[in-house]
Amino acid sequence: MPKVAVGGTFQYLHDGHARLIEKAFEIAGNGKVYIGLTSDEMLQKDHSIENYENRRVRLLEYIDEMGVPKEKYEITRLNDPCGPTIEEDFDYIIVSPETYPVALKINRIRAEKEKKPLEIVYVEYVMAEDGTPISSTRISKGEIDRHGRLKKESHA
């Protein structure tokens, strides 16, 4: 049974995050998905990001809405970009263009430790209405909503 890893901050839980999570469950099939959620400590530099517990609750609600049984996934706290993927045996890692370099680093370290590489599943960005990627940064700037719809500019 496949063991699948996916990780991130999951701020705003936008459509790009949804695609990553959905792909992880699709690849896992009858296996299990391990979701690494970035810790508050790892994000000390950015005060605009919601705390770990709020992001975790929203992630749990989203997965529950997907109808995924609790035994099919586990959410773990990520205190570093690689999390448990260096030491533990995973089969797949689901990545976006942003996290792809981390997956390459993980496989380099695993090779040094004579562990089998993770199969990297690359998920393209989800585009907003304007053809540029949906991102938490764009959402926090008020450019788009979490579904990539452009927000109307306000004229004061």
N, C-alpha and C. Protein backbone atom coordinates (compact mmCIF):
# COMPACT_ATOMS: atom_id res chain seq x y z
N MET A 1 0.84 -1.19 0.00
CA MET A 1 0.00 0.00 0.00
C MET A 1 0.88 1.24 0.00
N PRO A 2 0.65 2.14 -0.93
CA PRO A 2 1.50 3.33 -1.06
C PRO A 2 1.47 4.24 0.17
N LYS A 3 2.63 4.80 0.44
CA LYS A 3 2.79 5.78 1.51
C LYS A 3 3.20 7.07 0.82
N VAL A 4 2.34 8.09 0.91
CA VAL A 4 2.50 9.32 0.13
C VAL A 4 2.73 10.51 1.06
N ALA A 5 3.71 11.35 0.72
CA ALA A 5 4.00 12.56 1.49
C ALA A 5 3.65 13.80 0.68
N VAL A 6 3.10 14.78 1.37
CA VAL A 6 2.86 16.10 0.78
C VAL A 6 3.01 17.10 1.93
N GLY A 7 3.56 18.25 1.63
CA GLY A 7 3.77 19.21 2.71
C GLY A 7 3.56 20.64 2.27
N GLY A 8 3.35 21.50 3.26
CA GLY A 8 3.21 22.91 2.96
C GLY A 8 2.70 23.70 4.14
N THR A 9 2.57 24.99 3.92
CA THR A 9 2.04 25.90 4.93
C THR A 9 0.52 25.87 4.91
N PHE A 10 -0.04 25.73 3.72
CA PHE A 10 -1.48 25.65 3.51
C PHE A 10 -2.22 26.86 4.08
N GLN A 11 -1.61 28.04 3.92
CA GLN A 11 -2.27 29.29 4.28
C GLN A 11 -3.39 29.54 3.26
N TYR A 12 -4.55 29.90 3.71
CA TYR A 12 -5.74 30.18 2.89
C TYR A 12 -6.33 28.93 2.23
N LEU A 13 -5.63 27.81 2.25
CA LEU A 13 -6.08 26.57 1.61
C LEU A 13 -6.76 26.86 0.27
N HIS A 14 -5.96 27.39 -0.67
CA HIS A 14 -6.48 27.78 -1.98
C HIS A 14 -6.53 26.60 -2.94
N ASP A 15 -7.01 26.86 -4.16
CA ASP A 15 -7.23 25.79 -5.14
C ASP A 15 -5.93 25.07 -5.53
N GLY A 16 -4.80 25.74 -5.46
CA GLY A 16 -3.52 25.07 -5.72
C GLY A 16 -3.23 24.03 -4.65
N HIS A 17 -3.48 24.39 -3.38
CA HIS A 17 -3.30 23.43 -2.29
C HIS A 17 -4.26 22.26 -2.47
N ALA A 18 -5.50 22.58 -2.83
CA ALA A 18 -6.51 21.53 -3.02
C ALA A 18 -6.05 20.52 -4.06
N ARG A 19 -5.49 21.01 -5.16
CA ARG A 19 -5.03 20.09 -6.21
C ARG A 19 -3.91 19.18 -5.69
N LEU A 20 -2.98 19.73 -4.90
CA LEU A 20 -1.91 18.91 -4.33
C LEU A 20 -2.47 17.82 -3.42
N ILE A 21 -3.38 18.21 -2.55
CA ILE A 21 -3.97 17.27 -1.60
C ILE A 21 -4.78 16.20 -2.33
N GLU A 22 -5.57 16.61 -3.30
CA GLU A 22 -6.36 15.64 -4.07
C GLU A 22 -5.46 14.66 -4.82
N LYS A 23 -4.37 15.16 -5.40
CA LYS A 23 -3.42 14.29 -6.11
C LYS A 23 -2.80 13.29 -5.13
N ALA A 24 -2.47 13.75 -3.93
CA ALA A 24 -1.88 12.85 -2.92
C ALA A 24 -2.81 11.69 -2.62
N PHE A 25 -4.10 11.97 -2.42
CA PHE A 25 -5.05 10.89 -2.13
C PHE A 25 -5.28 10.00 -3.35
N GLU A 26 -5.26 10.58 -4.53
CA GLU A 26 -5.41 9.80 -5.76
C GLU A 26 -4.25 8.81 -5.90
N ILE A 27 -3.02 9.28 -5.68
CA ILE A 27 -1.83 8.42 -5.79
C ILE A 27 -1.83 7.36 -4.69
N ALA A 28 -2.27 7.74 -3.49
CA ALA A 28 -2.25 6.81 -2.36
C ALA A 28 -3.20 5.64 -2.56
N GLY A 29 -4.31 5.85 -3.24
CA GLY A 29 -5.28 4.77 -3.42
C GLY A 29 -5.69 4.19 -2.08
N ASN A 30 -5.35 2.91 -1.86
CA ASN A 30 -5.67 2.26 -0.59
C ASN A 30 -4.62 2.51 0.47
N GLY A 31 -3.59 3.28 0.13
CA GLY A 31 -2.51 3.58 1.07
C GLY A 31 -2.86 4.75 1.98
N LYS A 32 -1.81 5.44 2.44
CA LYS A 32 -2.00 6.51 3.41
C LYS A 32 -1.25 7.75 2.98
N VAL A 33 -1.85 8.91 3.26
CA VAL A 33 -1.23 10.20 2.95
C VAL A 33 -0.74 10.83 4.25
N TYR A 34 0.51 11.26 4.23
CA TYR A 34 1.11 11.96 5.36
C TYR A 34 1.29 13.41 4.95
N ILE A 35 0.55 14.29 5.63
CA ILE A 35 0.58 15.70 5.29
C ILE A 35 1.44 16.43 6.31
N GLY A 36 2.56 16.99 5.84
CA GLY A 36 3.42 17.78 6.70
C GLY A 36 2.95 19.22 6.67
N LEU A 37 2.54 19.73 7.82
CA LEU A 37 2.06 21.11 7.93
C LEU A 37 3.14 21.95 8.61
N THR A 38 3.58 22.98 7.92
CA THR A 38 4.67 23.82 8.40
C THR A 38 4.35 24.39 9.78
N SER A 39 5.31 24.24 10.71
CA SER A 39 5.14 24.72 12.08
C SER A 39 5.25 26.24 12.15
N ASP A 40 4.73 26.80 13.25
CA ASP A 40 4.86 28.24 13.49
C ASP A 40 6.33 28.63 13.61
N GLU A 41 7.13 27.76 14.23
CA GLU A 41 8.56 28.04 14.43
C GLU A 41 9.27 28.22 13.10
N MET A 42 8.91 27.41 12.12
CA MET A 42 9.53 27.51 10.80
C MET A 42 9.12 28.79 10.08
N LEU A 43 8.03 29.39 10.51
CA LEU A 43 7.49 30.58 9.84
C LEU A 43 7.70 31.86 10.65
N GLN A 44 8.61 31.84 11.61
CA GLN A 44 8.80 32.98 12.50
C GLN A 44 8.91 34.31 11.77
N LYS A 45 9.50 34.27 10.59
CA LYS A 45 9.74 35.51 9.85
C LYS A 45 8.46 36.17 9.33
N ASP A 46 7.39 35.41 9.23
CA ASP A 46 6.18 35.93 8.58
C ASP A 46 5.00 35.95 9.54
N HIS A 47 4.66 37.12 10.02
CA HIS A 47 3.58 37.24 11.00
C HIS A 47 2.20 37.29 10.36
N SER A 48 2.14 37.36 9.04
CA SER A 48 0.85 37.44 8.36
C SER A 48 0.22 36.06 8.18
N ILE A 49 0.96 35.01 8.50
CA ILE A 49 0.45 33.65 8.33
C ILE A 49 -0.25 33.20 9.61
N GLU A 50 -1.41 32.59 9.44
CA GLU A 50 -2.18 32.09 10.58
C GLU A 50 -1.38 31.05 11.35
N ASN A 51 -1.72 30.89 12.63
CA ASN A 51 -0.98 29.93 13.45
C ASN A 51 -1.27 28.49 13.02
N TYR A 52 -0.38 27.61 13.46
CA TYR A 52 -0.42 26.19 13.08
C TYR A 52 -1.81 25.59 13.34
N GLU A 53 -2.34 25.80 14.54
CA GLU A 53 -3.59 25.14 14.91
C GLU A 53 -4.74 25.58 14.01
N ASN A 54 -4.83 26.86 13.68
CA ASN A 54 -5.89 27.32 12.77
C ASN A 54 -5.74 26.70 11.39
N ARG A 55 -4.50 26.65 10.88
CA ARG A 55 -4.27 26.05 9.56
C ARG A 55 -4.59 24.56 9.60
N ARG A 56 -4.25 23.89 10.71
CA ARG A 56 -4.51 22.46 10.86
C ARG A 56 -6.02 22.18 10.86
N VAL A 57 -6.78 22.99 11.60
CA VAL A 57 -8.23 22.81 11.67
C VAL A 57 -8.85 22.97 10.28
N ARG A 58 -8.43 23.99 9.54
CA ARG A 58 -8.97 24.22 8.20
C ARG A 58 -8.62 23.05 7.27
N LEU A 59 -7.41 22.51 7.40
CA LEU A 59 -6.98 21.37 6.60
C LEU A 59 -7.84 20.14 6.94
N LEU A 60 -8.06 19.89 8.23
CA LEU A 60 -8.90 18.77 8.65
C LEU A 60 -10.32 18.92 8.11
N GLU A 61 -10.86 20.13 8.17
CA GLU A 61 -12.22 20.38 7.65
C GLU A 61 -12.28 20.10 6.15
N TYR A 62 -11.25 20.54 5.42
CA TYR A 62 -11.24 20.33 3.97
C TYR A 62 -11.20 18.83 3.64
N ILE A 63 -10.33 18.10 4.33
CA ILE A 63 -10.20 16.66 4.06
C ILE A 63 -11.49 15.93 4.44
N ASP A 64 -12.12 16.37 5.52
CA ASP A 64 -13.40 15.79 5.93
C ASP A 64 -14.46 16.03 4.85
N GLU A 65 -14.47 17.25 4.28
CA GLU A 65 -15.41 17.57 3.20
C GLU A 65 -15.16 16.70 1.96
N MET A 66 -13.91 16.28 1.77
CA MET A 66 -13.58 15.40 0.65
C MET A 66 -14.13 13.99 0.88
N GLY A 67 -14.48 13.69 2.13
CA GLY A 67 -15.01 12.37 2.46
C GLY A 67 -13.94 11.32 2.69
N VAL A 68 -12.73 11.77 3.02
CA VAL A 68 -11.62 10.83 3.25
C VAL A 68 -11.68 10.31 4.69
N PRO A 69 -11.69 8.99 4.88
CA PRO A 69 -11.69 8.43 6.24
C PRO A 69 -10.41 8.82 7.00
N LYS A 70 -10.55 9.04 8.31
CA LYS A 70 -9.43 9.49 9.14
C LYS A 70 -8.23 8.55 9.11
N GLU A 71 -8.49 7.26 8.91
CA GLU A 71 -7.37 6.30 8.90
C GLU A 71 -6.54 6.37 7.62
N LYS A 72 -6.99 7.15 6.64
CA LYS A 72 -6.28 7.25 5.35
C LYS A 72 -5.24 8.37 5.33
N TYR A 73 -5.15 9.15 6.42
CA TYR A 73 -4.18 10.24 6.42
C TYR A 73 -3.72 10.58 7.84
N GLU A 74 -2.63 11.31 7.88
CA GLU A 74 -2.08 11.78 9.14
C GLU A 74 -1.47 13.16 8.88
N ILE A 75 -1.73 14.10 9.76
CA ILE A 75 -1.13 15.42 9.65
C ILE A 75 -0.03 15.52 10.69
N THR A 76 1.17 15.85 10.24
CA THR A 76 2.30 15.98 11.15
C THR A 76 2.87 17.40 11.07
N ARG A 77 3.52 17.82 12.13
CA ARG A 77 4.11 19.15 12.21
C ARG A 77 5.49 19.13 11.54
N LEU A 78 5.68 20.03 10.59
CA LEU A 78 6.97 20.15 9.90
C LEU A 78 7.81 21.22 10.57
N ASN A 79 8.95 20.82 11.13
CA ASN A 79 9.86 21.78 11.75
C ASN A 79 11.05 22.09 10.84
N ASP A 80 11.15 21.37 9.74
CA ASP A 80 12.16 21.64 8.72
C ASP A 80 11.57 21.22 7.37
N PRO A 81 12.12 21.72 6.26
CA PRO A 81 11.50 21.46 4.96
C PRO A 81 11.39 19.99 4.57
N CYS A 82 12.27 19.14 5.10
CA CYS A 82 12.27 17.73 4.69
C CYS A 82 11.36 16.86 5.56
N GLY A 83 11.13 17.27 6.79
CA GLY A 83 10.28 16.49 7.69
C GLY A 83 10.74 15.05 7.81
N PRO A 84 9.80 14.10 7.91
CA PRO A 84 10.15 12.69 8.09
C PRO A 84 10.57 11.97 6.81
N THR A 85 10.59 12.68 5.67
CA THR A 85 10.85 12.01 4.39
C THR A 85 12.29 11.53 4.23
N ILE A 86 13.19 12.00 5.07
CA ILE A 86 14.59 11.56 4.98
C ILE A 86 14.74 10.16 5.58
N GLU A 87 14.19 9.98 6.77
CA GLU A 87 14.40 8.73 7.51
C GLU A 87 13.33 7.68 7.26
N GLU A 88 12.10 8.11 7.09
CA GLU A 88 11.01 7.14 6.95
C GLU A 88 10.86 6.68 5.50
N ASP A 89 10.25 5.52 5.33
CA ASP A 89 10.06 4.97 3.99
C ASP A 89 8.74 5.44 3.41
N PHE A 90 8.84 6.34 2.47
CA PHE A 90 7.69 6.80 1.70
C PHE A 90 7.88 6.30 0.27
N ASP A 91 6.79 6.18 -0.46
CA ASP A 91 6.86 5.77 -1.86
C ASP A 91 6.83 6.98 -2.80
N TYR A 92 6.01 7.97 -2.45
CA TYR A 92 5.81 9.13 -3.32
C TYR A 92 5.89 10.42 -2.51
N ILE A 93 6.27 11.48 -3.21
CA ILE A 93 6.16 12.83 -2.65
C ILE A 93 5.47 13.69 -3.70
N ILE A 94 4.45 14.40 -3.27
CA ILE A 94 3.67 15.25 -4.18
C ILE A 94 4.19 16.67 -4.04
N VAL A 95 4.55 17.29 -5.16
CA VAL A 95 5.16 18.62 -5.11
C VAL A 95 4.55 19.57 -6.13
N SER A 96 4.71 20.85 -5.83
CA SER A 96 4.38 21.93 -6.77
C SER A 96 5.70 22.43 -7.36
N PRO A 97 5.64 23.30 -8.35
CA PRO A 97 6.89 23.87 -8.86
C PRO A 97 7.72 24.52 -7.73
N GLU A 98 7.04 25.08 -6.74
CA GLU A 98 7.71 25.75 -5.62
C GLU A 98 8.45 24.75 -4.73
N THR A 99 7.88 23.56 -4.52
CA THR A 99 8.49 22.60 -3.60
C THR A 99 9.31 21.51 -4.30
N TYR A 100 9.32 21.52 -5.61
CA TYR A 100 10.09 20.53 -6.37
C TYR A 100 11.57 20.48 -5.95
N PRO A 101 12.26 21.64 -5.78
CA PRO A 101 13.67 21.58 -5.37
C PRO A 101 13.87 20.87 -4.02
N VAL A 102 12.90 20.98 -3.13
CA VAL A 102 12.99 20.29 -1.83
C VAL A 102 12.95 18.77 -2.04
N ALA A 103 12.10 18.31 -2.95
CA ALA A 103 12.02 16.87 -3.24
C ALA A 103 13.33 16.36 -3.82
N LEU A 104 13.97 17.15 -4.67
CA LEU A 104 15.28 16.75 -5.22
C LEU A 104 16.31 16.65 -4.10
N LYS A 105 16.29 17.61 -3.18
CA LYS A 105 17.21 17.59 -2.03
C LYS A 105 16.95 16.35 -1.16
N ILE A 106 15.68 16.05 -0.92
CA ILE A 106 15.32 14.87 -0.12
C ILE A 106 15.90 13.62 -0.77
N ASN A 107 15.73 13.47 -2.07
CA ASN A 107 16.24 12.28 -2.76
C ASN A 107 17.77 12.23 -2.75
N ARG A 108 18.44 13.38 -2.83
CA ARG A 108 19.92 13.39 -2.72
C ARG A 108 20.35 12.87 -1.35
N ILE A 109 19.70 13.37 -0.30
CA ILE A 109 20.05 12.94 1.06
C ILE A 109 19.72 11.46 1.24
N ARG A 110 18.58 11.03 0.73
CA ARG A 110 18.21 9.61 0.83
C ARG A 110 19.24 8.73 0.12
N ALA A 111 19.73 9.19 -1.04
CA ALA A 111 20.75 8.42 -1.78
C ALA A 111 22.03 8.29 -0.95
N GLU A 112 22.42 9.38 -0.29
CA GLU A 112 23.62 9.34 0.58
C GLU A 112 23.44 8.33 1.70
N LYS A 113 22.22 8.15 2.15
CA LYS A 113 21.91 7.21 3.23
C LYS A 113 21.57 5.82 2.70
N GLU A 114 21.73 5.64 1.38
CA GLU A 114 21.44 4.38 0.70
C GLU A 114 19.98 3.95 0.87
N LYS A 115 19.10 4.93 0.84
CA LYS A 115 17.65 4.65 0.87
C LYS A 115 17.10 4.84 -0.53
N LYS A 116 16.03 4.13 -0.83
CA LYS A 116 15.45 4.27 -2.18
C LYS A 116 14.86 5.67 -2.35
N PRO A 117 14.97 6.20 -3.57
CA PRO A 117 14.42 7.54 -3.80
C PRO A 117 12.89 7.53 -3.76
N LEU A 118 12.34 8.67 -3.43
CA LEU A 118 10.88 8.83 -3.49
C LEU A 118 10.51 9.12 -4.93
N GLU A 119 9.41 8.58 -5.38
CA GLU A 119 8.92 8.94 -6.71
C GLU A 119 8.27 10.32 -6.58
N ILE A 120 8.76 11.26 -7.38
CA ILE A 120 8.27 12.63 -7.31
C ILE A 120 7.09 12.80 -8.27
N VAL A 121 5.97 13.24 -7.72
CA VAL A 121 4.78 13.52 -8.53
C VAL A 121 4.63 15.04 -8.57
N TYR A 122 4.82 15.59 -9.76
CA TYR A 122 4.86 17.03 -9.98
C TYR A 122 3.48 17.54 -10.38
N VAL A 123 2.95 18.46 -9.61
CA VAL A 123 1.63 19.03 -9.87
C VAL A 123 1.82 20.49 -10.26
N GLU A 124 1.38 20.84 -11.46
CA GLU A 124 1.53 22.22 -11.94
C GLU A 124 0.72 23.19 -11.09
N TYR A 125 1.13 24.45 -11.15
CA TYR A 125 0.36 25.50 -10.49
C TYR A 125 -1.06 25.54 -11.05
N VAL A 126 -1.99 25.94 -10.22
CA VAL A 126 -3.35 26.23 -10.67
C VAL A 126 -3.36 27.73 -10.99
N MET A 127 -3.87 28.06 -12.16
CA MET A 127 -3.84 29.45 -12.60
C MET A 127 -5.09 30.21 -12.16
N ALA A 128 -4.87 31.47 -11.86
CA ALA A 128 -5.97 32.39 -11.56
C ALA A 128 -6.60 32.84 -12.87
N GLU A 129 -7.66 33.61 -12.78
CA GLU A 129 -8.35 34.12 -13.97
C GLU A 129 -7.42 34.87 -14.92
N ASP A 130 -6.40 35.50 -14.36
CA ASP A 130 -5.49 36.31 -15.19
C ASP A 130 -4.34 35.50 -15.78
N GLY A 131 -4.37 34.17 -15.58
CA GLY A 131 -3.35 33.31 -16.19
C GLY A 131 -2.06 33.19 -15.40
N THR A 132 -1.99 33.80 -14.22
CA THR A 132 -0.82 33.66 -13.36
C THR A 132 -1.19 32.76 -12.18
N PRO A 133 -0.19 32.11 -11.56
CA PRO A 133 -0.50 31.13 -10.51
C PRO A 133 -1.24 31.71 -9.31
N ILE A 134 -2.15 30.90 -8.79
CA ILE A 134 -2.78 31.21 -7.51
C ILE A 134 -1.71 31.03 -6.45
N SER A 135 -1.59 31.98 -5.54
CA SER A 135 -0.62 31.85 -4.45
C SER A 135 -1.16 32.54 -3.21
N SER A 136 -0.69 32.10 -2.05
CA SER A 136 -1.09 32.72 -0.79
C SER A 136 -0.66 34.18 -0.76
N THR A 137 0.48 34.49 -1.37
CA THR A 137 0.97 35.87 -1.41
C THR A 137 -0.03 36.76 -2.15
N ARG A 138 -0.49 36.30 -3.30
CA ARG A 138 -1.45 37.09 -4.09
C ARG A 138 -2.77 37.25 -3.33
N ILE A 139 -3.17 36.21 -2.62
CA ILE A 139 -4.41 36.29 -1.84
C ILE A 139 -4.25 37.31 -0.72
N SER A 140 -3.10 37.25 0.00
CA SER A 140 -2.88 38.18 1.11
C SER A 140 -2.78 39.63 0.64
N LYS A 141 -2.33 39.83 -0.60
CA LYS A 141 -2.26 41.18 -1.16
C LYS A 141 -3.62 41.67 -1.65
N GLY A 142 -4.62 40.78 -1.64
CA GLY A 142 -5.95 41.16 -2.06
C GLY A 142 -6.15 41.15 -3.57
N GLU A 143 -5.22 40.54 -4.31
CA GLU A 143 -5.33 40.49 -5.78
C GLU A 143 -6.40 39.50 -6.24
N ILE A 144 -6.46 38.34 -5.55
CA ILE A 144 -7.36 37.25 -5.95
C ILE A 144 -7.96 36.61 -4.70
N ASP A 145 -9.02 35.82 -4.92
CA ASP A 145 -9.54 35.02 -3.82
C ASP A 145 -8.89 33.63 -3.89
N ARG A 146 -9.26 32.74 -2.99
CA ARG A 146 -8.57 31.44 -2.94
C ARG A 146 -8.88 30.54 -4.13
N HIS A 147 -9.86 30.94 -4.93
CA HIS A 147 -10.19 30.19 -6.15
C HIS A 147 -9.58 30.83 -7.39
N GLY A 148 -8.82 31.91 -7.21
CA GLY A 148 -8.16 32.55 -8.35
C GLY A 148 -8.98 33.60 -9.06
N ARG A 149 -10.13 33.92 -8.48
CA ARG A 149 -10.94 34.99 -9.08
C ARG A 149 -10.34 36.34 -8.72
N LEU A 150 -10.25 37.21 -9.71
CA LEU A 150 -9.69 38.54 -9.49
C LEU A 150 -10.63 39.35 -8.61
N LYS A 151 -10.02 40.05 -7.65
CA LYS A 151 -10.83 40.93 -6.80
C LYS A 151 -10.94 42.27 -7.48
N LYS A 152 -12.08 42.88 -7.35
CA LYS A 152 -12.29 44.19 -7.96
C LYS A 152 -11.46 45.24 -7.21
N GLU A 153 -10.79 46.08 -7.97
CA GLU A 153 -10.01 47.14 -7.34
C GLU A 153 -10.96 48.16 -6.74
N SER A 154 -10.63 48.57 -5.52
CA SER A 154 -11.47 49.59 -4.89
C SER A 154 -10.87 50.96 -5.17
N HIS A 155 -11.72 51.89 -5.53
CA HIS A 155 -11.27 53.26 -5.82
C HIS A 155 -11.81 54.17 -4.73
N ALA A 156 -10.91 54.70 -3.93
CA ALA A 156 -11.34 55.55 -2.81
C ALA A 156 -11.58 56.97 -3.27
